[in-house]
N, C-alpha and C. Protein backbone atom coordinates (compact mmCIF):
# COMPACT_ATOMS: atom_id res chain seq x y z
N LYS A 1 0.81 -1.37 0.17
CA LYS A 1 -0.24 -0.06 -0.10
C LYS A 1 1.03 1.13 0.18
N THR A 2 0.30 2.41 -0.36
CA THR A 2 1.36 3.25 -0.39
C THR A 2 0.66 4.42 0.14
N CYS A 3 1.48 4.95 1.55
CA CYS A 3 0.83 6.19 1.83
C CYS A 3 2.23 7.26 1.50
N SER A 4 2.30 8.56 2.55
CA SER A 4 2.71 9.92 2.32
C SER A 4 3.60 9.69 3.74
N LEU A 5 4.61 9.70 3.27
CA LEU A 5 6.03 10.02 4.16
C LEU A 5 6.66 11.43 4.25
N ILE A 6 7.47 11.92 5.79
CA ILE A 6 7.47 13.17 5.60
C ILE A 6 9.22 13.51 6.57
N VAL A 7 10.18 13.34 5.94
CA VAL A 7 11.07 13.36 6.77
C VAL A 7 11.68 14.84 7.21
N ASP A 8 11.84 14.64 8.76
CA ASP A 8 12.22 16.12 9.32
C ASP A 8 12.84 16.48 10.39
N SER A 9 13.59 16.84 9.56
CA SER A 9 14.67 16.73 11.15
C SER A 9 14.29 17.82 11.85
N GLY A 10 13.16 18.50 11.79
CA GLY A 10 12.80 19.99 12.61
C GLY A 10 12.13 18.69 13.84
N SER A 11 11.36 17.77 14.01
CA SER A 11 10.79 17.19 14.54
C SER A 11 11.85 16.31 15.69
N CYS A 12 11.03 16.55 16.77
CA CYS A 12 11.71 15.90 18.38
C CYS A 12 11.15 13.89 18.24
N ASN A 13 10.64 13.68 17.21
CA ASN A 13 9.01 12.37 17.12
C ASN A 13 9.65 12.15 16.02
N ASN A 14 8.66 11.04 16.32
CA ASN A 14 8.03 9.74 14.78
C ASN A 14 7.24 9.42 15.03
N PHE A 15 5.82 10.56 13.67
CA PHE A 15 4.67 9.85 14.14
C PHE A 15 4.18 9.27 13.06
N VAL A 16 2.82 7.90 13.56
CA VAL A 16 1.98 8.13 12.67
C VAL A 16 0.88 8.36 12.82
N SER A 17 -0.11 9.00 11.24
CA SER A 17 -1.08 9.17 12.21
C SER A 17 -1.90 8.34 12.38
N GLN A 18 -3.01 8.01 12.60
CA GLN A 18 -4.32 7.17 13.38
C GLN A 18 -5.12 7.13 12.41
N ARG A 19 -5.44 7.54 10.92
CA ARG A 19 -5.66 7.24 10.42
C ARG A 19 -5.20 5.86 9.57
N LEU A 20 -3.83 5.52 8.98
CA LEU A 20 -3.37 4.53 8.64
C LEU A 20 -3.27 3.67 9.60
N VAL A 21 -3.14 3.97 11.50
CA VAL A 21 -3.04 2.92 11.75
C VAL A 21 -4.40 1.74 12.08
N ASP A 22 -5.44 2.86 11.95
CA ASP A 22 -6.97 2.81 12.24
C ASP A 22 -6.62 1.31 10.77
N LYS A 23 -6.58 1.94 9.28
CA LYS A 23 -6.64 1.27 8.10
C LYS A 23 -6.19 0.35 8.51
N LEU A 24 -4.85 -0.34 8.64
CA LEU A 24 -4.06 -0.78 8.83
C LEU A 24 -3.97 -1.89 9.95
N ASN A 25 -5.20 -1.90 10.90
CA ASN A 25 -4.98 -1.97 11.88
C ASN A 25 -3.96 -2.55 12.76
N LEU A 26 -3.38 -1.67 12.23
CA LEU A 26 -1.83 -1.99 14.10
C LEU A 26 -2.24 -2.28 15.15
N THR A 27 -1.70 -2.80 15.73
CA THR A 27 -1.39 -2.72 17.43
C THR A 27 -0.85 -2.36 18.33
N THR A 28 -1.24 -0.77 19.01
CA THR A 28 -0.90 0.06 19.51
C THR A 28 -0.28 -0.23 21.08
N ILE A 29 0.16 0.30 21.74
CA ILE A 29 0.98 0.16 22.49
C ILE A 29 0.76 1.57 23.75
N THR A 30 0.61 1.48 24.82
CA THR A 30 0.23 2.61 25.60
C THR A 30 1.84 2.68 25.73
N HIS A 31 2.03 3.76 24.88
CA HIS A 31 3.12 5.25 25.67
C HIS A 31 3.81 5.54 27.27
N PRO A 32 4.96 5.25 27.11
CA PRO A 32 5.29 4.51 28.56
C PRO A 32 5.75 6.55 29.41
N LYS A 33 5.62 7.29 28.74
CA LYS A 33 4.83 9.03 29.11
C LYS A 33 4.53 9.79 27.96
N SER A 34 2.73 9.57 27.83
CA SER A 34 2.05 10.51 27.54
C SER A 34 2.85 12.67 27.77
N TYR A 35 2.42 12.48 26.59
CA TYR A 35 2.80 13.74 26.22
C TYR A 35 1.27 14.47 25.51
N LYS A 36 1.27 15.97 25.50
CA LYS A 36 0.83 16.42 24.74
C LYS A 36 1.06 17.91 23.22
N ILE A 37 0.39 17.90 22.06
CA ILE A 37 1.66 18.73 20.89
C ILE A 37 0.23 19.64 20.64
N GLN A 38 0.85 20.82 19.76
CA GLN A 38 -0.31 21.78 18.91
C GLN A 38 -0.38 21.38 17.66
N TRP A 39 1.06 21.22 17.75
CA TRP A 39 1.40 21.72 15.67
C TRP A 39 1.06 21.07 14.26
N LEU A 40 0.62 19.52 15.24
CA LEU A 40 0.15 18.56 14.07
C LEU A 40 -0.98 18.85 13.41
N ASN A 41 -2.10 19.40 14.09
CA ASN A 41 -3.36 20.02 13.53
C ASN A 41 -3.55 20.87 14.23
N GLU A 42 -5.38 21.80 13.62
CA GLU A 42 -6.94 22.43 13.77
C GLU A 42 -6.97 22.85 15.08
N ASP A 43 -7.02 21.18 15.58
CA ASP A 43 -8.03 21.32 16.99
C ASP A 43 -7.25 21.70 18.05
N GLY A 44 -6.23 22.34 18.24
CA GLY A 44 -6.27 22.25 20.00
C GLY A 44 -5.18 21.55 20.22
N PRO A 45 -4.28 21.29 21.32
CA PRO A 45 -3.55 20.56 22.00
C PRO A 45 -3.98 18.93 21.75
N ILE A 46 -3.44 18.29 22.00
CA ILE A 46 -4.29 16.95 21.90
C ILE A 46 -3.18 16.24 23.01
N GLU A 47 -3.55 14.76 23.24
CA GLU A 47 -2.55 13.56 24.05
C GLU A 47 -2.07 13.12 22.85
N VAL A 48 -0.94 12.70 23.35
CA VAL A 48 -0.20 11.62 22.78
C VAL A 48 -0.26 10.82 23.48
N LYS A 49 -1.00 9.54 23.58
CA LYS A 49 -0.56 8.32 24.40
C LYS A 49 -0.40 7.00 23.75
N ASP A 50 -0.21 6.49 22.20
CA ASP A 50 -0.30 5.31 22.10
C ASP A 50 0.58 5.58 21.40
N GLN A 51 1.80 4.41 21.30
CA GLN A 51 2.34 4.28 20.25
C GLN A 51 2.47 2.51 19.47
N VAL A 52 2.90 2.89 18.52
CA VAL A 52 3.42 1.57 16.95
C VAL A 52 4.34 1.19 16.82
N ASN A 53 4.77 -0.08 15.62
CA ASN A 53 5.43 -0.73 15.45
C ASN A 53 5.31 -0.20 13.74
N VAL A 54 5.27 0.26 12.96
CA VAL A 54 5.81 0.49 12.11
C VAL A 54 6.64 -0.07 11.00
N PRO A 55 6.02 -0.89 9.99
CA PRO A 55 6.63 -1.75 8.98
C PRO A 55 6.57 -0.63 7.68
N PHE A 56 7.62 -0.30 6.95
CA PHE A 56 7.31 0.23 5.67
C PHE A 56 8.48 0.56 4.90
N SER A 57 8.72 0.61 3.79
CA SER A 57 9.49 0.45 2.44
C SER A 57 9.91 1.89 2.52
N ILE A 58 10.85 2.34 1.40
CA ILE A 58 10.84 3.34 0.17
C ILE A 58 11.88 2.26 -0.66
N GLU A 59 11.21 2.09 -2.02
CA GLU A 59 11.87 1.68 -3.19
C GLU A 59 12.30 0.39 -2.35
N LYS A 60 13.59 0.40 -2.08
CA LYS A 60 14.18 -0.91 -1.39
C LYS A 60 14.66 -0.98 -0.30
N TYR A 61 14.35 0.14 0.51
CA TYR A 61 14.47 0.13 1.89
C TYR A 61 13.40 -0.34 2.53
N LYS A 62 13.50 -1.44 3.49
CA LYS A 62 12.53 -1.32 4.23
C LYS A 62 12.93 -1.78 5.82
N ASP A 63 12.10 -1.27 6.82
CA ASP A 63 12.25 -0.70 7.98
C ASP A 63 10.91 -0.82 8.43
N GLU A 64 11.76 -0.77 9.96
CA GLU A 64 10.08 -0.80 11.08
C GLU A 64 10.00 0.11 12.05
N ILE A 65 10.14 1.56 12.76
CA ILE A 65 9.76 2.34 13.46
C ILE A 65 9.13 1.94 14.15
N LEU A 66 9.66 2.37 15.35
CA LEU A 66 8.71 2.91 16.67
C LEU A 66 8.49 4.39 16.73
N CYS A 67 6.52 4.14 16.34
CA CYS A 67 6.05 5.88 16.15
C CYS A 67 5.14 5.82 17.01
N ASP A 68 5.09 7.21 17.62
CA ASP A 68 3.77 8.14 18.40
C ASP A 68 2.89 8.23 17.46
N VAL A 69 1.77 7.72 17.81
CA VAL A 69 0.28 7.92 17.09
C VAL A 69 -0.26 9.30 17.35
N ASN A 70 -1.30 9.74 16.20
CA ASN A 70 -1.65 11.07 16.40
C ASN A 70 -2.85 11.24 14.96
N PRO A 71 -3.61 12.36 15.37
CA PRO A 71 -4.39 11.72 14.41
C PRO A 71 -4.03 14.19 13.33
N MET A 72 -2.72 13.43 13.15
CA MET A 72 -1.68 14.29 12.43
C MET A 72 -2.79 14.40 10.32
N ASP A 73 -2.66 15.23 9.95
CA ASP A 73 -3.44 14.98 8.62
C ASP A 73 -2.66 15.47 7.46
N VAL A 74 -1.70 15.83 8.16
CA VAL A 74 -0.40 16.39 6.89
C VAL A 74 -0.03 15.23 5.75
N SER A 75 0.01 14.24 6.84
CA SER A 75 1.39 12.78 5.86
C SER A 75 1.09 11.86 6.83
N HIS A 76 0.99 10.35 6.37
CA HIS A 76 0.75 8.92 7.39
C HIS A 76 1.65 8.53 8.15
N ILE A 77 3.05 9.31 8.00
CA ILE A 77 4.00 8.99 8.75
C ILE A 77 5.27 10.27 8.22
N LEU A 78 5.79 10.82 9.62
CA LEU A 78 6.54 11.86 9.99
C LEU A 78 7.90 10.99 10.36
N LEU A 79 8.73 10.51 9.27
CA LEU A 79 9.65 10.01 10.65
C LEU A 79 11.49 11.93 11.12
N GLY A 80 11.06 11.69 12.57
CA GLY A 80 11.66 12.68 12.38
C GLY A 80 13.82 13.15 13.17
N ARG A 81 14.09 13.42 14.00
CA ARG A 81 15.31 13.37 14.69
C ARG A 81 15.24 12.19 15.25
N PRO A 82 14.55 11.48 16.06
CA PRO A 82 14.95 9.63 16.29
C PRO A 82 15.15 8.99 14.92
N TRP A 83 14.75 9.09 14.36
CA TRP A 83 15.06 7.78 13.01
C TRP A 83 15.95 8.19 12.11
N GLN A 84 16.79 9.59 11.98
CA GLN A 84 17.16 10.39 11.18
C GLN A 84 18.65 10.17 12.18
N HIS A 85 18.32 10.25 13.77
CA HIS A 85 20.10 9.63 14.34
C HIS A 85 19.88 8.22 14.19
N ASP A 86 19.13 7.36 14.94
CA ASP A 86 18.91 5.86 14.62
C ASP A 86 20.12 5.11 13.15
N ARG A 87 19.37 6.11 12.29
CA ARG A 87 19.18 5.48 11.46
C ARG A 87 21.15 5.96 10.72
N LYS A 88 21.32 7.14 11.41
CA LYS A 88 22.75 7.91 10.51
C LYS A 88 22.12 8.25 9.50
N ALA A 89 20.94 9.09 9.40
CA ALA A 89 20.96 9.11 8.12
C ALA A 89 21.54 11.25 7.37
N ILE A 90 21.75 11.08 6.53
CA ILE A 90 22.35 12.62 6.28
C ILE A 90 21.92 13.02 5.03
N HIS A 91 21.47 14.78 5.75
CA HIS A 91 20.97 15.20 5.24
C HIS A 91 21.51 15.93 3.79
N ASP A 92 21.54 16.33 2.55
CA ASP A 92 22.28 17.51 2.07
C ASP A 92 21.70 18.41 1.41
N GLY A 93 22.15 19.23 1.77
CA GLY A 93 20.76 20.79 2.06
C GLY A 93 20.78 21.59 0.75
N VAL A 94 21.77 20.86 0.13
CA VAL A 94 21.77 21.67 -1.05
C VAL A 94 20.91 20.75 -2.39
N THR A 95 20.87 19.91 -2.39
CA THR A 95 20.32 19.11 -2.99
C THR A 95 18.58 18.26 -1.83
N ASN A 96 18.68 18.10 -1.03
CA ASN A 96 17.31 17.85 -0.36
C ASN A 96 17.08 16.66 0.08
N LYS A 97 18.48 15.90 -0.93
CA LYS A 97 18.16 14.18 0.11
C LYS A 97 18.71 14.16 1.15
N ASN A 98 18.19 13.08 1.51
CA ASN A 98 18.74 11.79 2.51
C ASN A 98 19.08 10.69 2.43
N CYS A 99 20.39 10.38 3.24
CA CYS A 99 21.11 9.04 2.17
C CYS A 99 21.34 8.46 4.17
N LEU A 100 21.46 7.11 3.81
CA LEU A 100 21.66 5.97 4.74
C LEU A 100 22.13 4.73 3.88
N VAL A 101 23.28 4.49 5.27
CA VAL A 101 23.37 2.69 5.47
C VAL A 101 22.87 1.90 5.83
N HIS A 102 22.02 0.81 5.04
CA HIS A 102 20.94 0.34 5.88
C HIS A 102 21.19 -1.59 5.51
N LEU A 103 21.65 -2.22 6.83
CA LEU A 103 21.81 -3.39 6.03
C LEU A 103 22.93 -3.30 5.78
N GLY A 104 23.60 -2.59 4.92
CA GLY A 104 25.18 -2.93 4.06
C GLY A 104 25.12 -2.40 3.21
N LYS A 105 23.72 -1.83 2.82
CA LYS A 105 23.20 -1.18 1.10
C LYS A 105 22.81 0.58 1.78
N LYS A 106 23.49 1.33 0.70
CA LYS A 106 23.02 2.50 0.80
C LYS A 106 21.92 3.30 -0.27
N HIS A 107 21.73 4.02 0.34
CA HIS A 107 20.29 4.73 0.10
C HIS A 107 20.25 5.89 0.08
N THR A 108 19.37 6.08 -1.12
CA THR A 108 19.17 7.33 -0.88
C THR A 108 17.99 7.88 -1.93
N PHE A 109 17.64 9.03 -0.97
CA PHE A 109 16.05 9.02 -0.93
C PHE A 109 15.52 10.73 -1.70
N THR A 110 15.07 10.82 -2.57
CA THR A 110 14.83 12.16 -3.60
C THR A 110 14.21 12.46 -2.92
N PRO A 111 13.25 14.04 -2.80
CA PRO A 111 12.06 14.55 -2.64
C PRO A 111 11.48 14.71 -3.46
N LEU A 112 10.11 14.69 -3.26
CA LEU A 112 8.88 15.07 -4.65
C LEU A 112 9.32 16.46 -4.94
N SER A 113 9.10 16.61 -5.55
CA SER A 113 8.72 17.90 -7.08
C SER A 113 7.43 18.64 -6.32
N PRO A 114 7.56 19.93 -6.22
CA PRO A 114 6.25 21.17 -5.83
C PRO A 114 5.07 20.19 -6.29
N SER A 115 5.11 19.85 -7.37
CA SER A 115 3.62 19.80 -7.90
C SER A 115 3.31 18.42 -7.89
N GLN A 116 4.25 17.12 -7.33
CA GLN A 116 4.21 15.73 -6.76
C GLN A 116 3.25 16.55 -5.33
N VAL A 117 4.13 16.62 -4.29
CA VAL A 117 3.96 17.57 -3.06
C VAL A 117 2.17 18.05 -3.33
N LEU A 118 2.25 19.01 -3.61
CA LEU A 118 0.59 19.36 -3.90
C LEU A 118 -0.75 18.19 -4.11
N GLU A 119 -0.19 17.22 -5.38
CA GLU A 119 -0.76 16.15 -5.56
C GLU A 119 -1.04 15.14 -4.57
N ASP A 120 -0.30 14.75 -3.91
CA ASP A 120 -0.23 14.17 -2.46
C ASP A 120 -0.86 14.45 -1.83
N GLN A 121 -0.68 16.09 -1.46
CA GLN A 121 -1.71 16.82 -0.70
C GLN A 121 -3.27 16.44 -1.06
N VAL A 122 -3.21 16.73 -1.98
CA VAL A 122 -4.25 16.74 -2.75
C VAL A 122 -5.19 15.36 -2.32
N PHE A 123 -4.88 14.21 -2.67
CA PHE A 123 -4.75 12.84 -2.48
C PHE A 123 -5.38 12.44 -0.96
N MET A 124 -4.32 12.92 0.26
CA MET A 124 -4.67 13.12 1.64
C MET A 124 -6.34 13.87 1.98
N LYS A 125 -6.08 15.28 1.21
CA LYS A 125 -7.25 15.60 1.59
C LYS A 125 -8.67 15.01 1.38
N LEU A 126 -8.43 14.15 -0.21
CA LEU A 126 -10.34 13.59 -0.53
C LEU A 126 -9.72 12.28 -0.12
N ASN A 127 -9.33 11.59 0.41
CA ASN A 127 -8.84 10.48 1.11
C ASN A 127 -9.65 10.06 2.41
N LYS A 128 -9.47 11.31 2.97
CA LYS A 128 -9.85 12.21 4.68
C LYS A 128 -11.41 12.64 4.43
N LYS A 129 -11.52 12.97 3.48
CA LYS A 129 -12.69 13.60 2.81
C LYS A 129 -13.83 12.24 2.57
N GLY A 130 -13.24 10.99 1.85
CA GLY A 130 -14.35 9.93 1.08
C GLY A 130 -13.95 9.15 2.47
N GLU A 131 -13.18 9.28 2.97
CA GLU A 131 -13.40 8.11 4.40
C GLU A 131 -14.21 8.57 5.55
N ARG A 132 -15.17 10.05 5.20
CA ARG A 132 -15.70 10.09 6.08
C ARG A 132 -17.52 9.74 5.98
N GLU A 133 -16.99 10.06 4.52
CA GLU A 133 -18.67 10.07 3.54
C GLU A 133 -18.75 8.65 3.24
N GLY A 134 -17.00 7.81 3.39
CA GLY A 134 -17.43 5.94 3.30
C GLY A 134 -17.16 6.09 1.42
N TYR A 135 -16.14 6.77 0.73
CA TYR A 135 -15.77 6.27 -0.70
C TYR A 135 -13.86 5.88 -0.39
N ARG A 136 -13.50 5.69 -1.32
CA ARG A 136 -11.98 5.95 -1.10
C ARG A 136 -11.76 6.28 -2.64
N VAL A 137 -10.73 7.39 -2.47
CA VAL A 137 -10.39 8.15 -4.05
C VAL A 137 -8.27 7.32 -4.19
N GLY A 138 -8.78 6.85 -5.37
CA GLY A 138 -7.46 6.57 -6.19
C GLY A 138 -7.15 5.41 -5.36
N GLY A 139 -5.85 4.74 -5.77
CA GLY A 139 -5.75 3.35 -5.71
C GLY A 139 -5.40 2.97 -3.95
């Protein structure tokens, strides 16, 4: 299945959307230290109280990461500084690419173009609306 993923060096945590957790029927665990955040949605502060191990792949790179669960709308998965640190990912500020070595293989991740980002955000918004109204947009 395809999902939206953001690598964000400004985020102190790894996050996964509640929608993705529900859609994939992932089993959550109670967060050892729940906390409140505000910046991921427009509904005011929310309490982050669950975590989940999320398996994902980007081309030939496969991984599983512990993420905090929240109702964010911007993406399905947000990989923050913990993922970057644990995987020793290197960000090239000129090309905006991320590189890392995982299981002995070098992986380079190229960002979406601005038009692809717009298309992804429209797709996310339509699917959110469709889920509320009982239909799914796209594949």
